[in-house]
Amino acid sequence: MKILMVLTSHDQLGNTGRKTGFWLEEFAAPYFVFGDAGVQLTLASPKGGQPPVDPKSDLPENQTPAMARFKQDQAAQTALSQTARLADMKAEDYDTVFYVGGHGPMWTLSIIPTRSP
């Protein structure tokens, strides 16, 4: 099975001046569930490269076992830092698309172009 995990490239919370991005737990937990099940994962974001992490998602009170595992996993950190450009992905190459949550995706998902079949 092949899953395309889509992360945001958006890092501003509207016009508040506050930082946002994807929610770390909403990436880490499914990343390891899918990976441990033998799923082939591709990480992508609109701009490619390192997607922004919502700083609030990494506060001490929000830590989870999946986040701790991610912070100890150099391969996972490298994969996250090198996301592919979303425009370079082809839907037919994947069995499903998983959108990683957070506030950033509210802006990202509103600009993803759609293709006619």
N, C-alpha and C. Protein backbone atom coordinates (compact mmCIF):
# COMPACT_ATOMS: atom_id res chain seq x y z
N MET A 1 0.84 -1.18 0.00
CA MET A 1 0.00 0.00 0.00
C MET A 1 0.89 1.24 0.00
N LYS A 2 0.45 2.26 -0.73
CA LYS A 2 1.17 3.53 -0.80
C LYS A 2 0.25 4.66 -0.33
N ILE A 3 0.76 5.45 0.62
CA ILE A 3 0.00 6.58 1.14
C ILE A 3 0.82 7.86 0.93
N LEU A 4 0.14 8.88 0.42
CA LEU A 4 0.72 10.21 0.31
C LEU A 4 0.27 11.00 1.53
N MET A 5 1.22 11.39 2.38
CA MET A 5 0.91 12.23 3.54
C MET A 5 1.19 13.67 3.14
N VAL A 6 0.15 14.50 3.19
CA VAL A 6 0.25 15.90 2.78
C VAL A 6 0.32 16.78 4.02
N LEU A 7 1.36 17.60 4.06
CA LEU A 7 1.56 18.56 5.15
C LEU A 7 1.45 19.97 4.59
N THR A 8 1.23 20.91 5.46
CA THR A 8 1.10 22.31 5.05
C THR A 8 2.47 22.95 4.83
N SER A 9 2.48 24.03 4.08
CA SER A 9 3.66 24.90 3.99
C SER A 9 3.34 26.26 4.60
N HIS A 10 2.13 26.40 5.11
CA HIS A 10 1.65 27.69 5.64
C HIS A 10 2.08 27.84 7.10
N ASP A 11 2.65 29.00 7.44
CA ASP A 11 3.18 29.16 8.80
C ASP A 11 2.64 30.37 9.57
N GLN A 12 1.63 31.05 9.03
CA GLN A 12 1.07 32.22 9.72
C GLN A 12 -0.40 31.98 10.04
N LEU A 13 -0.80 32.27 11.27
CA LEU A 13 -2.18 32.10 11.71
C LEU A 13 -2.98 33.33 11.32
N GLY A 14 -3.49 33.32 10.10
CA GLY A 14 -4.26 34.46 9.60
C GLY A 14 -3.44 35.73 9.65
N ASN A 15 -4.04 36.80 10.14
CA ASN A 15 -3.31 38.07 10.27
C ASN A 15 -2.98 38.38 11.73
N THR A 16 -2.86 37.33 12.54
CA THR A 16 -2.58 37.50 13.97
C THR A 16 -1.10 37.74 14.27
N GLY A 17 -0.23 37.41 13.31
CA GLY A 17 1.20 37.50 13.56
C GLY A 17 1.76 36.30 14.30
N ARG A 18 0.89 35.34 14.64
CA ARG A 18 1.34 34.14 15.35
C ARG A 18 1.73 33.06 14.36
N LYS A 19 2.67 32.21 14.77
CA LYS A 19 3.12 31.10 13.94
C LYS A 19 2.14 29.94 14.04
N THR A 20 2.07 29.19 12.96
CA THR A 20 1.27 27.96 12.94
C THR A 20 1.95 26.99 11.99
N GLY A 21 1.26 25.94 11.66
CA GLY A 21 1.81 24.92 10.77
C GLY A 21 1.02 23.64 11.00
N PHE A 22 1.69 22.49 10.84
CA PHE A 22 0.99 21.24 11.12
C PHE A 22 1.16 20.90 12.60
N TRP A 23 0.23 20.10 13.12
CA TRP A 23 0.26 19.68 14.53
C TRP A 23 1.12 18.44 14.62
N LEU A 24 2.19 18.50 15.41
CA LEU A 24 3.19 17.44 15.44
C LEU A 24 2.62 16.06 15.75
N GLU A 25 1.72 15.94 16.72
CA GLU A 25 1.12 14.65 17.06
C GLU A 25 0.30 14.11 15.89
N GLU A 26 -0.34 14.99 15.14
CA GLU A 26 -1.18 14.56 14.02
C GLU A 26 -0.34 14.10 12.82
N PHE A 27 0.94 14.36 12.89
CA PHE A 27 1.88 13.77 11.92
C PHE A 27 2.50 12.50 12.51
N ALA A 28 3.06 12.61 13.71
CA ALA A 28 3.86 11.52 14.28
C ALA A 28 3.05 10.25 14.49
N ALA A 29 1.87 10.34 15.05
CA ALA A 29 1.09 9.13 15.34
C ALA A 29 0.75 8.35 14.06
N PRO A 30 0.15 8.96 13.05
CA PRO A 30 -0.14 8.17 11.85
C PRO A 30 1.12 7.76 11.09
N TYR A 31 2.15 8.57 11.14
CA TYR A 31 3.41 8.22 10.46
C TYR A 31 3.91 6.87 10.96
N PHE A 32 3.92 6.68 12.27
CA PHE A 32 4.42 5.42 12.82
C PHE A 32 3.40 4.28 12.69
N VAL A 33 2.12 4.57 12.80
CA VAL A 33 1.12 3.52 12.60
C VAL A 33 1.23 2.98 11.17
N PHE A 34 1.27 3.88 10.20
CA PHE A 34 1.39 3.45 8.80
C PHE A 34 2.72 2.75 8.56
N GLY A 35 3.80 3.36 8.99
CA GLY A 35 5.13 2.78 8.77
C GLY A 35 5.29 1.42 9.42
N ASP A 36 4.81 1.27 10.65
CA ASP A 36 4.91 -0.01 11.35
C ASP A 36 4.08 -1.09 10.65
N ALA A 37 3.06 -0.68 9.91
CA ALA A 37 2.21 -1.64 9.20
C ALA A 37 2.78 -1.98 7.81
N GLY A 38 3.93 -1.40 7.49
CA GLY A 38 4.56 -1.70 6.21
C GLY A 38 4.09 -0.87 5.03
N VAL A 39 3.38 0.19 5.32
CA VAL A 39 2.89 1.08 4.26
C VAL A 39 4.06 1.89 3.71
N GLN A 40 4.08 2.06 2.40
CA GLN A 40 5.08 2.92 1.77
C GLN A 40 4.57 4.36 1.84
N LEU A 41 5.30 5.22 2.54
CA LEU A 41 4.87 6.61 2.74
C LEU A 41 5.67 7.57 1.88
N THR A 42 4.97 8.55 1.35
CA THR A 42 5.59 9.69 0.69
C THR A 42 5.07 10.93 1.39
N LEU A 43 5.98 11.80 1.80
CA LEU A 43 5.60 13.04 2.46
C LEU A 43 5.70 14.17 1.45
N ALA A 44 4.68 15.01 1.38
CA ALA A 44 4.67 16.11 0.44
C ALA A 44 4.05 17.35 1.08
N SER A 45 4.44 18.51 0.57
CA SER A 45 3.87 19.78 1.00
C SER A 45 3.87 20.71 -0.21
N PRO A 46 3.05 21.75 -0.19
CA PRO A 46 2.98 22.61 -1.37
C PRO A 46 4.34 23.16 -1.83
N LYS A 47 5.17 23.57 -0.91
CA LYS A 47 6.48 24.12 -1.28
C LYS A 47 7.60 23.08 -1.30
N GLY A 48 7.36 21.91 -0.72
CA GLY A 48 8.42 20.93 -0.56
C GLY A 48 9.35 21.35 0.56
N GLY A 49 10.26 20.47 0.93
CA GLY A 49 11.19 20.77 2.01
C GLY A 49 10.56 20.65 3.38
N GLN A 50 11.14 21.34 4.36
CA GLN A 50 10.68 21.27 5.75
C GLN A 50 9.37 22.02 5.94
N PRO A 51 8.30 21.33 6.30
CA PRO A 51 7.05 22.03 6.59
C PRO A 51 7.10 22.65 7.99
N PRO A 52 6.37 23.74 8.20
CA PRO A 52 6.39 24.38 9.52
C PRO A 52 5.57 23.60 10.55
N VAL A 53 6.13 23.46 11.73
CA VAL A 53 5.45 22.81 12.85
C VAL A 53 4.77 23.90 13.67
N ASP A 54 3.53 23.69 14.04
CA ASP A 54 2.86 24.64 14.94
C ASP A 54 3.60 24.59 16.27
N PRO A 55 4.18 25.72 16.71
CA PRO A 55 4.97 25.68 17.95
C PRO A 55 4.16 25.24 19.17
N LYS A 56 2.87 25.50 19.19
CA LYS A 56 2.06 25.08 20.33
C LYS A 56 1.95 23.56 20.41
N SER A 57 2.07 22.89 19.27
CA SER A 57 1.94 21.44 19.28
C SER A 57 3.13 20.75 19.94
N ASP A 58 4.22 21.47 20.11
CA ASP A 58 5.41 20.89 20.70
C ASP A 58 5.65 21.36 22.14
N LEU A 59 4.66 21.98 22.74
CA LEU A 59 4.78 22.40 24.14
C LEU A 59 4.84 21.16 25.05
N PRO A 60 5.47 21.28 26.21
CA PRO A 60 5.60 20.12 27.12
C PRO A 60 4.28 19.43 27.43
N GLU A 61 3.21 20.19 27.61
CA GLU A 61 1.93 19.58 27.96
C GLU A 61 1.26 18.82 26.80
N ASN A 62 1.80 18.98 25.60
CA ASN A 62 1.23 18.30 24.43
C ASN A 62 2.04 17.09 23.98
N GLN A 63 3.06 16.72 24.71
CA GLN A 63 3.93 15.61 24.31
C GLN A 63 3.20 14.27 24.41
N THR A 64 3.47 13.40 23.45
CA THR A 64 2.88 12.06 23.41
C THR A 64 3.99 11.05 23.13
N PRO A 65 3.72 9.77 23.32
CA PRO A 65 4.73 8.76 22.99
C PRO A 65 5.16 8.80 21.51
N ALA A 66 4.22 9.07 20.60
CA ALA A 66 4.58 9.13 19.18
C ALA A 66 5.53 10.31 18.92
N MET A 67 5.33 11.42 19.59
CA MET A 67 6.21 12.57 19.41
C MET A 67 7.60 12.26 19.98
N ALA A 68 7.64 11.61 21.12
CA ALA A 68 8.93 11.22 21.70
C ALA A 68 9.67 10.28 20.76
N ARG A 69 8.94 9.34 20.18
CA ARG A 69 9.56 8.41 19.22
C ARG A 69 10.09 9.17 18.01
N PHE A 70 9.31 10.12 17.50
CA PHE A 70 9.74 10.91 16.35
C PHE A 70 11.05 11.66 16.66
N LYS A 71 11.14 12.23 17.85
CA LYS A 71 12.33 13.01 18.22
C LYS A 71 13.57 12.14 18.37
N GLN A 72 13.39 10.82 18.50
CA GLN A 72 14.51 9.89 18.60
C GLN A 72 14.81 9.20 17.27
N ASP A 73 14.00 9.46 16.25
CA ASP A 73 14.10 8.76 14.97
C ASP A 73 14.68 9.68 13.89
N GLN A 74 15.98 9.56 13.65
CA GLN A 74 16.65 10.44 12.69
C GLN A 74 16.10 10.26 11.28
N ALA A 75 15.76 9.04 10.89
CA ALA A 75 15.22 8.80 9.55
C ALA A 75 13.88 9.52 9.37
N ALA A 76 13.03 9.49 10.38
CA ALA A 76 11.74 10.18 10.30
C ALA A 76 11.94 11.69 10.22
N GLN A 77 12.88 12.21 10.99
CA GLN A 77 13.15 13.65 10.96
C GLN A 77 13.69 14.07 9.59
N THR A 78 14.55 13.24 9.02
CA THR A 78 15.09 13.54 7.69
C THR A 78 13.99 13.51 6.65
N ALA A 79 13.13 12.50 6.70
CA ALA A 79 12.02 12.40 5.75
C ALA A 79 11.13 13.64 5.84
N LEU A 80 10.85 14.10 7.05
CA LEU A 80 10.01 15.28 7.23
C LEU A 80 10.69 16.53 6.67
N SER A 81 11.99 16.63 6.83
CA SER A 81 12.70 17.83 6.37
C SER A 81 12.84 17.89 4.85
N GLN A 82 12.53 16.79 4.18
CA GLN A 82 12.71 16.72 2.73
C GLN A 82 11.42 16.35 2.01
N THR A 83 10.30 16.95 2.40
CA THR A 83 9.05 16.62 1.72
C THR A 83 9.14 16.98 0.24
N ALA A 84 8.45 16.19 -0.56
CA ALA A 84 8.39 16.46 -2.00
C ALA A 84 7.42 17.62 -2.25
N ARG A 85 7.56 18.25 -3.41
CA ARG A 85 6.60 19.28 -3.81
C ARG A 85 5.28 18.61 -4.19
N LEU A 86 4.20 19.08 -3.62
CA LEU A 86 2.90 18.48 -3.85
C LEU A 86 2.54 18.49 -5.34
N ALA A 87 2.88 19.53 -6.06
CA ALA A 87 2.55 19.62 -7.49
C ALA A 87 3.24 18.53 -8.31
N ASP A 88 4.30 17.94 -7.77
CA ASP A 88 5.01 16.88 -8.49
C ASP A 88 4.42 15.49 -8.25
N MET A 89 3.44 15.38 -7.38
CA MET A 89 2.83 14.11 -7.04
C MET A 89 1.69 13.81 -8.02
N LYS A 90 1.46 12.52 -8.26
CA LYS A 90 0.36 12.07 -9.12
C LYS A 90 -0.57 11.20 -8.30
N ALA A 91 -1.83 11.56 -8.26
CA ALA A 91 -2.82 10.83 -7.45
C ALA A 91 -2.84 9.34 -7.79
N GLU A 92 -2.68 8.99 -9.05
CA GLU A 92 -2.77 7.60 -9.45
C GLU A 92 -1.62 6.74 -8.91
N ASP A 93 -0.59 7.37 -8.35
CA ASP A 93 0.53 6.62 -7.78
C ASP A 93 0.27 6.17 -6.34
N TYR A 94 -0.87 6.57 -5.76
CA TYR A 94 -1.14 6.29 -4.35
C TYR A 94 -2.50 5.63 -4.16
N ASP A 95 -2.58 4.84 -3.10
CA ASP A 95 -3.84 4.21 -2.74
C ASP A 95 -4.74 5.16 -1.97
N THR A 96 -4.13 6.07 -1.24
CA THR A 96 -4.91 7.06 -0.48
C THR A 96 -4.04 8.27 -0.18
N VAL A 97 -4.71 9.35 0.20
CA VAL A 97 -4.05 10.59 0.61
C VAL A 97 -4.47 10.85 2.05
N PHE A 98 -3.48 11.17 2.89
CA PHE A 98 -3.74 11.48 4.29
C PHE A 98 -3.30 12.92 4.53
N TYR A 99 -4.21 13.77 4.97
CA TYR A 99 -3.89 15.17 5.26
C TYR A 99 -3.57 15.31 6.74
N VAL A 100 -2.36 15.76 7.04
CA VAL A 100 -1.93 15.97 8.42
C VAL A 100 -2.59 17.25 8.94
N GLY A 101 -3.16 17.18 10.14
CA GLY A 101 -3.92 18.29 10.69
C GLY A 101 -3.09 19.40 11.30
N GLY A 102 -3.81 20.39 11.78
CA GLY A 102 -3.24 21.60 12.35
C GLY A 102 -3.96 22.80 11.77
N HIS A 103 -3.56 24.01 12.17
CA HIS A 103 -4.20 25.20 11.61
C HIS A 103 -3.67 25.53 10.22
N GLY A 104 -2.40 25.27 9.94
CA GLY A 104 -1.82 25.56 8.63
C GLY A 104 -2.60 24.96 7.48
N PRO A 105 -3.06 23.70 7.60
CA PRO A 105 -3.81 23.10 6.49
C PRO A 105 -5.09 23.85 6.11
N MET A 106 -5.65 24.65 7.02
CA MET A 106 -6.85 25.41 6.65
C MET A 106 -6.55 26.36 5.49
N TRP A 107 -5.34 26.87 5.43
CA TRP A 107 -4.95 27.74 4.31
C TRP A 107 -4.45 26.90 3.14
N THR A 108 -3.65 25.89 3.42
CA THR A 108 -3.10 25.04 2.36
C THR A 108 -4.20 24.38 1.56
N LEU A 109 -5.18 23.79 2.22
CA LEU A 109 -6.21 23.05 1.52
C LEU A 109 -7.10 23.95 0.67
N SER A 110 -7.15 25.22 1.00
CA SER A 110 -7.97 26.13 0.20
C SER A 110 -7.27 26.54 -1.10
N ILE A 111 -5.95 26.24 -1.23
CA ILE A 111 -5.23 26.65 -2.44
C ILE A 111 -4.77 25.48 -3.28
N ILE A 112 -5.01 24.25 -2.83
CA ILE A 112 -4.57 23.09 -3.62
C ILE A 112 -5.40 23.04 -4.90
N PRO A 113 -4.75 23.11 -6.04
CA PRO A 113 -5.51 23.06 -7.30
C PRO A 113 -6.10 21.67 -7.52
N THR A 114 -7.24 21.66 -8.15
CA THR A 114 -7.85 20.38 -8.49
C THR A 114 -7.64 20.11 -9.97
N ARG A 115 -7.57 18.86 -10.31
CA ARG A 115 -7.38 18.46 -11.71
C ARG A 115 -8.63 17.75 -12.18
N SER A 116 -8.96 17.99 -13.41
CA SER A 116 -10.08 17.27 -14.01
C SER A 116 -9.63 15.87 -14.37
N PRO A 117 -10.54 14.87 -14.24
CA PRO A 117 -10.14 13.50 -14.59
C PRO A 117 -9.85 13.33 -16.06
